Amino acid sequence: MLPIELIIFDMDGVLCDTDFARRLDILGQMTSLDAKVVDDAIFQSGFDDQADRGLHTAEEYLRLFAGRLGVSLSREDWLRARGDAMTPDHAMLALVKQLQQKLPVAMLTNNGPLLQENFAAVFPEAAELFGSWAFFSSQFKATKEEPDIFYAILETLDGRAESTLFIDDSESYIASARTAGLKTHHFKGIHGLENTLRQFDLMQS
């Protein structure tokens, strides 16, 4: 078995707990709209996915986001709703820091340019850890549903699929990474991940 030379972490659900229902509730309070109205107009409609795929700039996305809801929404409000729904997983962040002493570590999240541009304000702990190795799907004009994004990030990082470990809590993203030839771990908690890391000799038994 080839040694692991690169690890790529997902963000939401792995490096932080993200409460999507809370995010919808906050946006509903800000806009005086029902949370389901926000969900249907933004997330279930496929609009947010367009931003994840890099089809809108940050400014375009924010303008269209507000327009679809028929309200005024500032960048600060959008970022607050995003950030207030996220709780950093400090144990996972400490594990990332530990792994960085041994090999290159990156982050890949399905998110658009608005979060990318303001990542340090929304999730400063991760921004500090990953620096320029925090990647957003919009940078690659693709999302993790598609193997192409994994080929693209490996090319960017000069990595090899067979010696790269991808960690995500989504079964569909794990399947996509496997199609691209990466080693994978379906994240369900830190203890399971630690067991996988031991199998690759990346942690002490």
N, C-alpha and C. Protein backbone atom coordinates (compact mmCIF):
# COMPACT_ATOMS: atom_id res chain seq x y z
N MET A 1 0.85 -1.20 0.00
CA MET A 1 0.00 0.00 0.00
C MET A 1 0.88 1.25 0.00
N LEU A 2 0.62 2.15 -0.95
CA LEU A 2 1.39 3.37 -1.03
C LEU A 2 1.15 4.25 0.20
N PRO A 3 2.19 4.91 0.69
CA PRO A 3 1.98 5.82 1.82
C PRO A 3 1.17 7.03 1.40
N ILE A 4 0.44 7.59 2.35
CA ILE A 4 -0.31 8.81 2.08
C ILE A 4 0.64 10.00 2.08
N GLU A 5 0.56 10.80 1.01
CA GLU A 5 1.44 11.96 0.85
C GLU A 5 0.69 13.28 0.96
N LEU A 6 -0.65 13.23 0.92
CA LEU A 6 -1.49 14.43 0.94
C LEU A 6 -2.84 14.07 1.54
N ILE A 7 -3.36 14.93 2.41
CA ILE A 7 -4.70 14.75 2.96
C ILE A 7 -5.55 15.96 2.61
N ILE A 8 -6.79 15.71 2.18
CA ILE A 8 -7.73 16.78 1.86
C ILE A 8 -8.97 16.61 2.75
N PHE A 9 -9.26 17.63 3.53
CA PHE A 9 -10.40 17.63 4.44
C PHE A 9 -11.56 18.41 3.87
N ASP A 10 -12.77 17.89 4.09
CA ASP A 10 -13.99 18.68 3.92
C ASP A 10 -14.08 19.69 5.07
N MET A 11 -14.96 20.67 4.95
CA MET A 11 -15.15 21.65 6.02
C MET A 11 -16.41 21.38 6.84
N ASP A 12 -17.59 21.68 6.29
CA ASP A 12 -18.83 21.52 7.04
C ASP A 12 -19.06 20.06 7.39
N GLY A 13 -19.31 19.80 8.66
CA GLY A 13 -19.55 18.43 9.10
C GLY A 13 -18.31 17.66 9.45
N VAL A 14 -17.14 18.25 9.20
CA VAL A 14 -15.87 17.61 9.52
C VAL A 14 -15.02 18.52 10.41
N LEU A 15 -14.71 19.70 9.93
CA LEU A 15 -13.92 20.66 10.72
C LEU A 15 -14.78 21.53 11.61
N CYS A 16 -16.06 21.53 11.33
CA CYS A 16 -17.01 22.29 12.14
C CYS A 16 -18.37 21.62 12.06
N ASP A 17 -19.16 21.81 13.08
CA ASP A 17 -20.56 21.38 13.05
C ASP A 17 -21.37 22.53 12.46
N THR A 18 -22.10 22.26 11.41
CA THR A 18 -22.89 23.29 10.75
C THR A 18 -24.37 22.95 10.87
N ASP A 19 -25.11 23.84 11.50
CA ASP A 19 -26.54 23.66 11.74
C ASP A 19 -27.29 24.41 10.64
N PHE A 20 -27.64 23.70 9.59
CA PHE A 20 -28.29 24.34 8.44
C PHE A 20 -29.65 24.92 8.83
N ALA A 21 -30.38 24.22 9.68
CA ALA A 21 -31.69 24.72 10.10
C ALA A 21 -31.54 26.04 10.84
N ARG A 22 -30.50 26.16 11.65
CA ARG A 22 -30.26 27.42 12.36
C ARG A 22 -29.93 28.53 11.37
N ARG A 23 -29.15 28.22 10.35
CA ARG A 23 -28.82 29.22 9.34
C ARG A 23 -30.09 29.72 8.66
N LEU A 24 -31.00 28.80 8.32
CA LEU A 24 -32.26 29.20 7.70
C LEU A 24 -33.09 30.06 8.64
N ASP A 25 -33.10 29.70 9.92
CA ASP A 25 -33.87 30.48 10.89
C ASP A 25 -33.31 31.90 11.02
N ILE A 26 -31.99 32.02 11.04
CA ILE A 26 -31.36 33.34 11.15
C ILE A 26 -31.70 34.18 9.91
N LEU A 27 -31.57 33.58 8.74
CA LEU A 27 -31.91 34.30 7.51
C LEU A 27 -33.39 34.68 7.50
N GLY A 28 -34.24 33.79 8.02
CA GLY A 28 -35.66 34.10 8.10
C GLY A 28 -35.94 35.29 9.00
N GLN A 29 -35.24 35.34 10.12
CA GLN A 29 -35.41 36.46 11.04
C GLN A 29 -34.91 37.76 10.41
N MET A 30 -33.81 37.68 9.70
CA MET A 30 -33.24 38.88 9.07
C MET A 30 -34.16 39.44 7.98
N THR A 31 -34.83 38.54 7.27
CA THR A 31 -35.61 38.95 6.11
C THR A 31 -37.12 39.01 6.38
N SER A 32 -37.52 38.59 7.58
CA SER A 32 -38.95 38.49 7.95
C SER A 32 -39.69 37.51 7.04
N LEU A 33 -38.98 36.48 6.61
CA LEU A 33 -39.56 35.44 5.78
C LEU A 33 -39.54 34.11 6.52
N ASP A 34 -40.44 33.24 6.16
CA ASP A 34 -40.41 31.89 6.72
C ASP A 34 -39.15 31.17 6.25
N ALA A 35 -38.58 30.37 7.14
CA ALA A 35 -37.34 29.66 6.80
C ALA A 35 -37.52 28.78 5.56
N LYS A 36 -38.70 28.19 5.40
CA LYS A 36 -38.93 27.34 4.23
C LYS A 36 -38.94 28.15 2.94
N VAL A 37 -39.42 29.36 3.01
CA VAL A 37 -39.40 30.24 1.84
C VAL A 37 -37.96 30.51 1.42
N VAL A 38 -37.11 30.79 2.41
CA VAL A 38 -35.69 31.02 2.13
C VAL A 38 -35.07 29.77 1.54
N ASP A 39 -35.34 28.63 2.16
CA ASP A 39 -34.77 27.37 1.69
C ASP A 39 -35.18 27.08 0.25
N ASP A 40 -36.46 27.23 -0.05
CA ASP A 40 -36.95 26.93 -1.40
C ASP A 40 -36.35 27.86 -2.44
N ALA A 41 -36.26 29.15 -2.11
CA ALA A 41 -35.80 30.14 -3.09
C ALA A 41 -34.29 30.07 -3.34
N ILE A 42 -33.54 29.72 -2.30
CA ILE A 42 -32.08 29.79 -2.39
C ILE A 42 -31.44 28.42 -2.56
N PHE A 43 -31.80 27.49 -1.72
CA PHE A 43 -31.06 26.23 -1.66
C PHE A 43 -31.73 25.11 -2.46
N GLN A 44 -33.03 24.94 -2.34
CA GLN A 44 -33.70 23.87 -3.07
C GLN A 44 -33.85 24.19 -4.55
N SER A 45 -33.78 25.45 -4.91
CA SER A 45 -33.95 25.87 -6.30
C SER A 45 -32.74 25.60 -7.18
N GLY A 46 -31.59 25.34 -6.53
CA GLY A 46 -30.35 25.16 -7.28
C GLY A 46 -29.53 26.43 -7.42
N PHE A 47 -30.07 27.56 -6.94
CA PHE A 47 -29.35 28.83 -7.06
C PHE A 47 -28.04 28.79 -6.29
N ASP A 48 -28.07 28.31 -5.05
CA ASP A 48 -26.83 28.30 -4.25
C ASP A 48 -25.79 27.40 -4.88
N ASP A 49 -26.23 26.33 -5.50
CA ASP A 49 -25.31 25.43 -6.18
C ASP A 49 -24.59 26.14 -7.32
N GLN A 50 -25.25 27.09 -7.96
CA GLN A 50 -24.60 27.85 -9.03
C GLN A 50 -23.39 28.61 -8.50
N ALA A 51 -23.54 29.18 -7.31
CA ALA A 51 -22.41 29.89 -6.70
C ALA A 51 -21.29 28.92 -6.35
N ASP A 52 -21.66 27.74 -5.84
CA ASP A 52 -20.64 26.73 -5.53
C ASP A 52 -19.84 26.36 -6.77
N ARG A 53 -20.49 26.46 -7.93
CA ARG A 53 -19.83 26.12 -9.19
C ARG A 53 -19.13 27.31 -9.83
N GLY A 54 -19.11 28.43 -9.13
CA GLY A 54 -18.38 29.60 -9.61
C GLY A 54 -19.05 30.35 -10.73
N LEU A 55 -20.39 30.25 -10.82
CA LEU A 55 -21.10 30.93 -11.90
C LEU A 55 -21.41 32.38 -11.58
N HIS A 56 -21.22 32.80 -10.33
CA HIS A 56 -21.46 34.18 -9.92
C HIS A 56 -20.28 34.70 -9.11
N THR A 57 -19.94 35.96 -9.27
CA THR A 57 -18.99 36.59 -8.37
C THR A 57 -19.66 36.76 -7.01
N ALA A 58 -18.88 37.15 -6.02
CA ALA A 58 -19.43 37.36 -4.68
C ALA A 58 -20.51 38.44 -4.70
N GLU A 59 -20.25 39.53 -5.41
CA GLU A 59 -21.22 40.62 -5.45
C GLU A 59 -22.49 40.21 -6.21
N GLU A 60 -22.31 39.52 -7.32
CA GLU A 60 -23.47 39.05 -8.08
C GLU A 60 -24.32 38.10 -7.24
N TYR A 61 -23.66 37.20 -6.55
CA TYR A 61 -24.36 36.22 -5.74
C TYR A 61 -25.18 36.92 -4.65
N LEU A 62 -24.58 37.87 -3.96
CA LEU A 62 -25.29 38.56 -2.88
C LEU A 62 -26.48 39.33 -3.43
N ARG A 63 -26.30 40.00 -4.57
CA ARG A 63 -27.39 40.76 -5.18
C ARG A 63 -28.52 39.83 -5.61
N LEU A 64 -28.19 38.71 -6.24
CA LEU A 64 -29.20 37.78 -6.69
C LEU A 64 -29.87 37.06 -5.51
N PHE A 65 -29.09 36.78 -4.48
CA PHE A 65 -29.61 36.16 -3.26
C PHE A 65 -30.74 37.03 -2.68
N ALA A 66 -30.44 38.31 -2.50
CA ALA A 66 -31.44 39.23 -1.96
C ALA A 66 -32.62 39.39 -2.92
N GLY A 67 -32.33 39.45 -4.22
CA GLY A 67 -33.38 39.64 -5.21
C GLY A 67 -34.36 38.47 -5.25
N ARG A 68 -33.85 37.27 -5.11
CA ARG A 68 -34.73 36.10 -5.12
C ARG A 68 -35.67 36.10 -3.93
N LEU A 69 -35.23 36.73 -2.84
CA LEU A 69 -36.07 36.80 -1.64
C LEU A 69 -36.90 38.08 -1.60
N GLY A 70 -36.59 39.03 -2.48
CA GLY A 70 -37.32 40.30 -2.51
C GLY A 70 -37.04 41.18 -1.30
N VAL A 71 -35.80 41.11 -0.81
CA VAL A 71 -35.43 41.87 0.39
C VAL A 71 -34.07 42.53 0.17
N SER A 72 -33.69 43.34 1.12
CA SER A 72 -32.35 43.89 1.17
C SER A 72 -31.53 43.09 2.17
N LEU A 73 -30.37 42.64 1.78
CA LEU A 73 -29.52 41.84 2.67
C LEU A 73 -28.07 42.25 2.48
N SER A 74 -27.42 42.67 3.55
CA SER A 74 -26.04 43.12 3.46
C SER A 74 -25.08 41.93 3.49
N ARG A 75 -23.87 42.18 3.03
CA ARG A 75 -22.81 41.17 3.12
C ARG A 75 -22.61 40.74 4.57
N GLU A 76 -22.63 41.71 5.48
CA GLU A 76 -22.40 41.43 6.90
C GLU A 76 -23.48 40.50 7.45
N ASP A 77 -24.74 40.73 7.04
CA ASP A 77 -25.82 39.87 7.52
C ASP A 77 -25.67 38.46 6.97
N TRP A 78 -25.34 38.33 5.69
CA TRP A 78 -25.16 37.01 5.10
C TRP A 78 -24.05 36.25 5.82
N LEU A 79 -22.94 36.94 6.07
CA LEU A 79 -21.81 36.30 6.73
C LEU A 79 -22.15 35.93 8.17
N ARG A 80 -22.93 36.76 8.83
CA ARG A 80 -23.31 36.45 10.22
C ARG A 80 -24.19 35.22 10.26
N ALA A 81 -25.13 35.11 9.33
CA ALA A 81 -25.99 33.93 9.29
C ALA A 81 -25.17 32.66 9.03
N ARG A 82 -24.18 32.77 8.15
CA ARG A 82 -23.31 31.63 7.85
C ARG A 82 -22.46 31.27 9.06
N GLY A 83 -21.83 32.26 9.64
CA GLY A 83 -20.91 32.00 10.75
C GLY A 83 -21.60 31.57 12.02
N ASP A 84 -22.77 32.14 12.32
CA ASP A 84 -23.46 31.80 13.56
C ASP A 84 -24.02 30.39 13.55
N ALA A 85 -24.10 29.78 12.37
CA ALA A 85 -24.58 28.40 12.28
C ALA A 85 -23.44 27.39 12.35
N MET A 86 -22.20 27.86 12.48
CA MET A 86 -21.02 27.01 12.49
C MET A 86 -20.38 26.98 13.87
N THR A 87 -20.04 25.78 14.33
CA THR A 87 -19.33 25.61 15.59
C THR A 87 -18.02 24.87 15.31
N PRO A 88 -16.88 25.52 15.46
CA PRO A 88 -15.61 24.84 15.18
C PRO A 88 -15.45 23.58 16.02
N ASP A 89 -14.94 22.52 15.40
CA ASP A 89 -14.61 21.29 16.11
C ASP A 89 -13.13 21.39 16.50
N HIS A 90 -12.87 21.79 17.72
CA HIS A 90 -11.50 22.08 18.13
C HIS A 90 -10.63 20.83 18.17
N ALA A 91 -11.24 19.68 18.46
CA ALA A 91 -10.46 18.44 18.45
C ALA A 91 -10.00 18.12 17.03
N MET A 92 -10.89 18.33 16.05
CA MET A 92 -10.51 18.08 14.67
C MET A 92 -9.46 19.07 14.19
N LEU A 93 -9.61 20.31 14.57
CA LEU A 93 -8.64 21.32 14.16
C LEU A 93 -7.27 21.02 14.76
N ALA A 94 -7.24 20.52 15.99
CA ALA A 94 -5.98 20.13 16.62
C ALA A 94 -5.36 18.94 15.89
N LEU A 95 -6.22 18.02 15.43
CA LEU A 95 -5.71 16.87 14.67
C LEU A 95 -5.10 17.32 13.35
N VAL A 96 -5.76 18.26 12.68
CA VAL A 96 -5.20 18.81 11.44
C VAL A 96 -3.82 19.40 11.69
N LYS A 97 -3.70 20.17 12.74
CA LYS A 97 -2.41 20.80 13.07
C LYS A 97 -1.34 19.74 13.32
N GLN A 98 -1.74 18.67 13.98
CA GLN A 98 -0.81 17.57 14.24
C GLN A 98 -0.37 16.91 12.94
N LEU A 99 -1.30 16.69 12.04
CA LEU A 99 -0.97 16.06 10.76
C LEU A 99 -0.10 16.95 9.89
N GLN A 100 -0.28 18.25 10.01
CA GLN A 100 0.52 19.18 9.21
C GLN A 100 2.01 19.08 9.51
N GLN A 101 2.35 18.51 10.66
CA GLN A 101 3.76 18.32 10.99
C GLN A 101 4.37 17.15 10.20
N LYS A 102 3.50 16.35 9.57
CA LYS A 102 3.96 15.14 8.90
C LYS A 102 3.84 15.19 7.38
N LEU A 103 2.83 15.89 6.89
CA LEU A 103 2.59 15.88 5.44
C LEU A 103 1.69 17.06 5.06
N PRO A 104 1.59 17.38 3.76
CA PRO A 104 0.73 18.48 3.32
C PRO A 104 -0.74 18.17 3.58
N VAL A 105 -1.47 19.17 4.01
CA VAL A 105 -2.89 19.03 4.33
C VAL A 105 -3.64 20.20 3.70
N ALA A 106 -4.75 19.90 3.02
CA ALA A 106 -5.57 20.92 2.36
C ALA A 106 -7.02 20.78 2.80
N MET A 107 -7.81 21.76 2.45
CA MET A 107 -9.25 21.74 2.71
C MET A 107 -9.98 22.00 1.39
N LEU A 108 -11.08 21.27 1.16
CA LEU A 108 -11.90 21.48 -0.04
C LEU A 108 -13.35 21.49 0.37
N THR A 109 -14.04 22.59 0.11
CA THR A 109 -15.44 22.71 0.48
C THR A 109 -16.28 23.16 -0.71
N ASN A 110 -17.51 22.66 -0.79
CA ASN A 110 -18.46 23.15 -1.78
C ASN A 110 -19.00 24.49 -1.30
N ASN A 111 -18.40 25.56 -1.75
CA ASN A 111 -18.85 26.91 -1.39
C ASN A 111 -18.37 27.89 -2.44
N GLY A 112 -19.01 29.06 -2.43
CA GLY A 112 -18.75 30.05 -3.45
C GLY A 112 -17.78 31.15 -3.03
N PRO A 113 -17.60 32.14 -3.89
CA PRO A 113 -16.61 33.20 -3.66
C PRO A 113 -16.93 34.11 -2.49
N LEU A 114 -18.21 34.25 -2.12
CA LEU A 114 -18.53 35.13 -1.00
C LEU A 114 -17.93 34.60 0.29
N LEU A 115 -18.05 33.30 0.52
CA LEU A 115 -17.43 32.71 1.70
C LEU A 115 -15.92 32.69 1.56
N GLN A 116 -15.42 32.40 0.37
CA GLN A 116 -13.97 32.37 0.17
C GLN A 116 -13.34 33.72 0.52
N GLU A 117 -13.95 34.79 0.04
CA GLU A 117 -13.38 36.12 0.27
C GLU A 117 -13.42 36.52 1.75
N ASN A 118 -14.32 35.92 2.50
CA ASN A 118 -14.50 36.31 3.91
C ASN A 118 -14.24 35.16 4.87
N PHE A 119 -13.46 34.19 4.40
CA PHE A 119 -13.25 32.97 5.18
C PHE A 119 -12.62 33.26 6.54
N ALA A 120 -11.67 34.17 6.57
CA ALA A 120 -10.98 34.46 7.83
C ALA A 120 -11.92 35.07 8.87
N ALA A 121 -12.95 35.76 8.41
CA ALA A 121 -13.92 36.36 9.34
C ALA A 121 -14.93 35.33 9.83
N VAL A 122 -15.29 34.38 8.95
CA VAL A 122 -16.33 33.41 9.30
C VAL A 122 -15.77 32.22 10.07
N PHE A 123 -14.61 31.74 9.66
CA PHE A 123 -14.01 30.55 10.29
C PHE A 123 -12.52 30.80 10.46
N PRO A 124 -12.16 31.72 11.36
CA PRO A 124 -10.75 32.12 11.48
C PRO A 124 -9.81 30.99 11.85
N GLU A 125 -10.28 30.04 12.63
CA GLU A 125 -9.41 28.93 13.04
C GLU A 125 -8.95 28.11 11.83
N ALA A 126 -9.88 27.82 10.94
CA ALA A 126 -9.53 27.05 9.74
C ALA A 126 -8.72 27.89 8.76
N ALA A 127 -9.07 29.16 8.63
CA ALA A 127 -8.33 30.04 7.72
C ALA A 127 -6.86 30.13 8.14
N GLU A 128 -6.63 30.20 9.43
CA GLU A 128 -5.25 30.28 9.93
C GLU A 128 -4.51 28.96 9.69
N LEU A 129 -5.20 27.84 9.91
CA LEU A 129 -4.57 26.53 9.74
C LEU A 129 -4.19 26.25 8.29
N PHE A 130 -5.13 26.49 7.38
CA PHE A 130 -4.94 26.06 6.00
C PHE A 130 -4.32 27.13 5.10
N GLY A 131 -4.53 28.40 5.44
CA GLY A 131 -3.97 29.46 4.61
C GLY A 131 -4.42 29.33 3.17
N SER A 132 -3.46 29.38 2.23
CA SER A 132 -3.78 29.31 0.81
C SER A 132 -4.18 27.90 0.37
N TRP A 133 -4.11 26.96 1.29
CA TRP A 133 -4.52 25.59 0.98
C TRP A 133 -5.96 25.32 1.41
N ALA A 134 -6.72 26.36 1.65
CA ALA A 134 -8.17 26.26 1.82
C ALA A 134 -8.80 26.53 0.46
N PHE A 135 -9.42 25.51 -0.12
CA PHE A 135 -9.95 25.61 -1.48
C PHE A 135 -11.47 25.53 -1.48
N PHE A 136 -12.06 26.26 -2.42
CA PHE A 136 -13.50 26.36 -2.56
C PHE A 136 -13.89 25.86 -3.95
N SER A 137 -14.99 25.14 -4.00
CA SER A 137 -15.38 24.52 -5.27
C SER A 137 -15.50 25.53 -6.40
N SER A 138 -15.92 26.76 -6.08
CA SER A 138 -16.08 27.77 -7.11
C SER A 138 -14.77 28.08 -7.84
N GLN A 139 -13.64 27.83 -7.18
CA GLN A 139 -12.35 28.05 -7.82
C GLN A 139 -12.12 27.09 -8.99
N PHE A 140 -12.79 25.94 -8.93
CA PHE A 140 -12.58 24.90 -9.94
C PHE A 140 -13.75 24.77 -10.91
N LYS A 141 -14.78 25.62 -10.72
CA LYS A 141 -15.97 25.59 -11.58
C LYS A 141 -16.63 24.20 -11.57
N ALA A 142 -16.56 23.55 -10.43
CA ALA A 142 -17.15 22.22 -10.27
C ALA A 142 -17.39 21.99 -8.79
N THR A 143 -18.19 20.97 -8.48
CA THR A 143 -18.42 20.62 -7.08
C THR A 143 -18.01 19.18 -6.83
N LYS A 144 -18.05 18.79 -5.57
CA LYS A 144 -17.53 17.48 -5.18
C LYS A 144 -18.42 16.32 -5.63
N GLU A 145 -19.56 16.61 -6.23
CA GLU A 145 -20.35 15.55 -6.86
C GLU A 145 -19.63 14.99 -8.08
N GLU A 146 -18.66 15.73 -8.59
CA GLU A 146 -18.02 15.39 -9.86
C GLU A 146 -16.55 15.06 -9.65
N PRO A 147 -16.07 13.93 -10.19
CA PRO A 147 -14.65 13.58 -10.06
C PRO A 147 -13.71 14.66 -10.60
N ASP A 148 -14.17 15.47 -11.56
CA ASP A 148 -13.30 16.48 -12.16
C ASP A 148 -12.68 17.42 -11.13
N ILE A 149 -13.41 17.72 -10.05
CA ILE A 149 -12.87 18.65 -9.07
C ILE A 149 -11.66 18.05 -8.36
N PHE A 150 -11.66 16.74 -8.22
CA PHE A 150 -10.53 16.08 -7.56
C PHE A 150 -9.31 16.03 -8.47
N TYR A 151 -9.55 15.81 -9.76
CA TYR A 151 -8.43 15.89 -10.71
C TYR A 151 -7.83 17.30 -10.69
N ALA A 152 -8.71 18.31 -10.60
CA ALA A 152 -8.24 19.70 -10.65
C ALA A 152 -7.44 20.07 -9.40
N ILE A 153 -7.91 19.66 -8.23
CA ILE A 153 -7.18 20.05 -7.02
C ILE A 153 -5.86 19.28 -6.93
N LEU A 154 -5.85 18.05 -7.39
CA LEU A 154 -4.59 17.30 -7.40
C LEU A 154 -3.57 17.95 -8.33
N GLU A 155 -4.05 18.43 -9.46
CA GLU A 155 -3.14 19.14 -10.38
C GLU A 155 -2.62 20.41 -9.72
N THR A 156 -3.49 21.14 -9.03
CA THR A 156 -3.09 22.37 -8.35
C THR A 156 -2.05 22.10 -7.28
N LEU A 157 -2.20 21.00 -6.56
CA LEU A 157 -1.32 20.69 -5.43
C LEU A 157 -0.19 19.73 -5.80
N ASP A 158 -0.13 19.36 -7.08
CA ASP A 158 0.89 18.42 -7.55
C ASP A 158 0.81 17.12 -6.74
N GLY A 159 -0.42 16.66 -6.53
CA GLY A 159 -0.62 15.43 -5.77
C GLY A 159 -0.96 14.26 -6.68
N ARG A 160 -0.85 13.07 -6.12
CA ARG A 160 -1.20 11.84 -6.84
C ARG A 160 -2.43 11.23 -6.19
N ALA A 161 -3.38 10.85 -7.02
CA ALA A 161 -4.64 10.32 -6.48
C ALA A 161 -4.41 9.13 -5.56
N GLU A 162 -3.54 8.21 -5.97
CA GLU A 162 -3.35 6.96 -5.23
C GLU A 162 -2.67 7.16 -3.88
N SER A 163 -2.08 8.34 -3.66
CA SER A 163 -1.43 8.59 -2.37
C SER A 163 -2.07 9.79 -1.65
N THR A 164 -3.31 10.09 -2.03
CA THR A 164 -4.06 11.18 -1.40
C THR A 164 -5.26 10.62 -0.65
N LEU A 165 -5.45 11.09 0.58
CA LEU A 165 -6.59 10.68 1.40
C LEU A 165 -7.57 11.83 1.49
N PHE A 166 -8.81 11.55 1.08
CA PHE A 166 -9.89 12.56 1.13
C PHE A 166 -10.87 12.18 2.23
N ILE A 167 -11.21 13.17 3.07
CA ILE A 167 -12.06 12.95 4.24
C ILE A 167 -13.30 13.82 4.14
N ASP A 168 -14.48 13.19 4.15
CA ASP A 168 -15.73 13.93 3.99
C ASP A 168 -16.84 13.17 4.70
N ASP A 169 -17.89 13.90 5.10
CA ASP A 169 -19.02 13.26 5.76
C ASP A 169 -20.13 12.90 4.77
N SER A 170 -19.96 13.23 3.51
CA SER A 170 -20.98 12.96 2.48
C SER A 170 -20.62 11.69 1.70
N GLU A 171 -21.54 10.74 1.67
CA GLU A 171 -21.30 9.51 0.92
C GLU A 171 -21.13 9.78 -0.58
N SER A 172 -21.90 10.71 -1.11
CA SER A 172 -21.82 10.98 -2.55
C SER A 172 -20.48 11.61 -2.91
N TYR A 173 -19.95 12.47 -2.05
CA TYR A 173 -18.65 13.08 -2.34
C TYR A 173 -17.53 12.05 -2.20
N ILE A 174 -17.68 11.15 -1.23
CA ILE A 174 -16.72 10.07 -1.08
C ILE A 174 -16.70 9.20 -2.33
N ALA A 175 -17.89 8.88 -2.85
CA ALA A 175 -17.98 8.06 -4.06
C ALA A 175 -17.32 8.76 -5.25
N SER A 176 -17.51 10.07 -5.34
CA SER A 176 -16.91 10.84 -6.43
C SER A 176 -15.38 10.82 -6.33
N ALA A 177 -14.88 10.98 -5.13
CA ALA A 177 -13.42 10.96 -4.92
C ALA A 177 -12.84 9.59 -5.26
N ARG A 178 -13.56 8.55 -4.90
CA ARG A 178 -13.09 7.20 -5.22
C ARG A 178 -13.05 6.99 -6.73
N THR A 179 -14.02 7.53 -7.44
CA THR A 179 -14.03 7.43 -8.90
C THR A 179 -12.78 8.09 -9.48
N ALA A 180 -12.32 9.16 -8.81
CA ALA A 180 -11.11 9.86 -9.26
C ALA A 180 -9.84 9.16 -8.80
N GLY A 181 -9.99 8.07 -8.04
CA GLY A 181 -8.83 7.27 -7.65
C GLY A 181 -8.23 7.58 -6.29
N LEU A 182 -8.87 8.49 -5.53
CA LEU A 182 -8.32 8.86 -4.22
C LEU A 182 -8.66 7.80 -3.18
N LYS A 183 -7.81 7.71 -2.16
CA LYS A 183 -8.18 6.99 -0.96
C LYS A 183 -9.19 7.86 -0.20
N THR A 184 -10.11 7.24 0.51
CA THR A 184 -11.16 8.02 1.17
C THR A 184 -11.44 7.52 2.58
N HIS A 185 -12.00 8.44 3.37
CA HIS A 185 -12.55 8.08 4.69
C HIS A 185 -13.89 8.79 4.83
N HIS A 186 -14.95 8.00 5.04
CA HIS A 186 -16.28 8.57 5.28
C HIS A 186 -16.35 8.98 6.75
N PHE A 187 -16.33 10.28 6.98
CA PHE A 187 -16.21 10.81 8.35
C PHE A 187 -17.52 10.67 9.11
N LYS A 188 -17.43 10.04 10.29
CA LYS A 188 -18.57 9.94 11.20
C LYS A 188 -18.18 10.33 12.62
N GLY A 189 -16.97 10.84 12.76
CA GLY A 189 -16.47 11.23 14.07
C GLY A 189 -14.97 11.07 14.13
N ILE A 190 -14.36 11.75 15.07
CA ILE A 190 -12.90 11.79 15.13
C ILE A 190 -12.28 10.44 15.43
N HIS A 191 -12.96 9.62 16.22
CA HIS A 191 -12.35 8.34 16.62
C HIS A 191 -12.23 7.40 15.42
N GLY A 192 -13.24 7.37 14.59
CA GLY A 192 -13.15 6.55 13.38
C GLY A 192 -12.05 7.04 12.46
N LEU A 193 -11.91 8.36 12.34
CA LEU A 193 -10.85 8.92 11.52
C LEU A 193 -9.48 8.56 12.07
N GLU A 194 -9.33 8.64 13.37
CA GLU A 194 -8.05 8.27 13.98
C GLU A 194 -7.69 6.82 13.68
N ASN A 195 -8.69 5.94 13.67
CA ASN A 195 -8.42 4.54 13.33
C ASN A 195 -7.92 4.41 11.89
N THR A 196 -8.54 5.16 10.98
CA THR A 196 -8.08 5.13 9.59
C THR A 196 -6.67 5.67 9.47
N LEU A 197 -6.39 6.74 10.18
CA LEU A 197 -5.04 7.32 10.13
C LEU A 197 -3.99 6.35 10.66
N ARG A 198 -4.37 5.56 11.65
CA ARG A 198 -3.44 4.55 12.17
C ARG A 198 -3.15 3.48 11.11
N GLN A 199 -4.16 3.13 10.34
CA GLN A 199 -3.97 2.15 9.28
C GLN A 199 -2.97 2.61 8.24
N PHE A 200 -2.90 3.93 8.07
CA PHE A 200 -1.93 4.50 7.12
C PHE A 200 -0.65 4.96 7.81
N ASP A 201 -0.48 4.54 9.06
CA ASP A 201 0.73 4.88 9.84
C ASP A 201 0.91 6.39 10.00
N LEU A 202 -0.22 7.09 10.15
CA LEU A 202 -0.16 8.54 10.33
C LEU A 202 -0.46 8.94 11.77
N MET A 203 -0.74 7.94 12.61
CA MET A 203 -0.93 8.19 14.04
C MET A 203 -0.36 7.02 14.81
N GLN A 204 0.06 7.30 16.05
CA GLN A 204 0.53 6.25 16.92
C GLN A 204 -0.63 5.36 17.35
N SER A 205 -0.39 4.08 17.50
CA SER A 205 -1.43 3.14 17.97
C SER A 205 -1.67 3.34 19.45
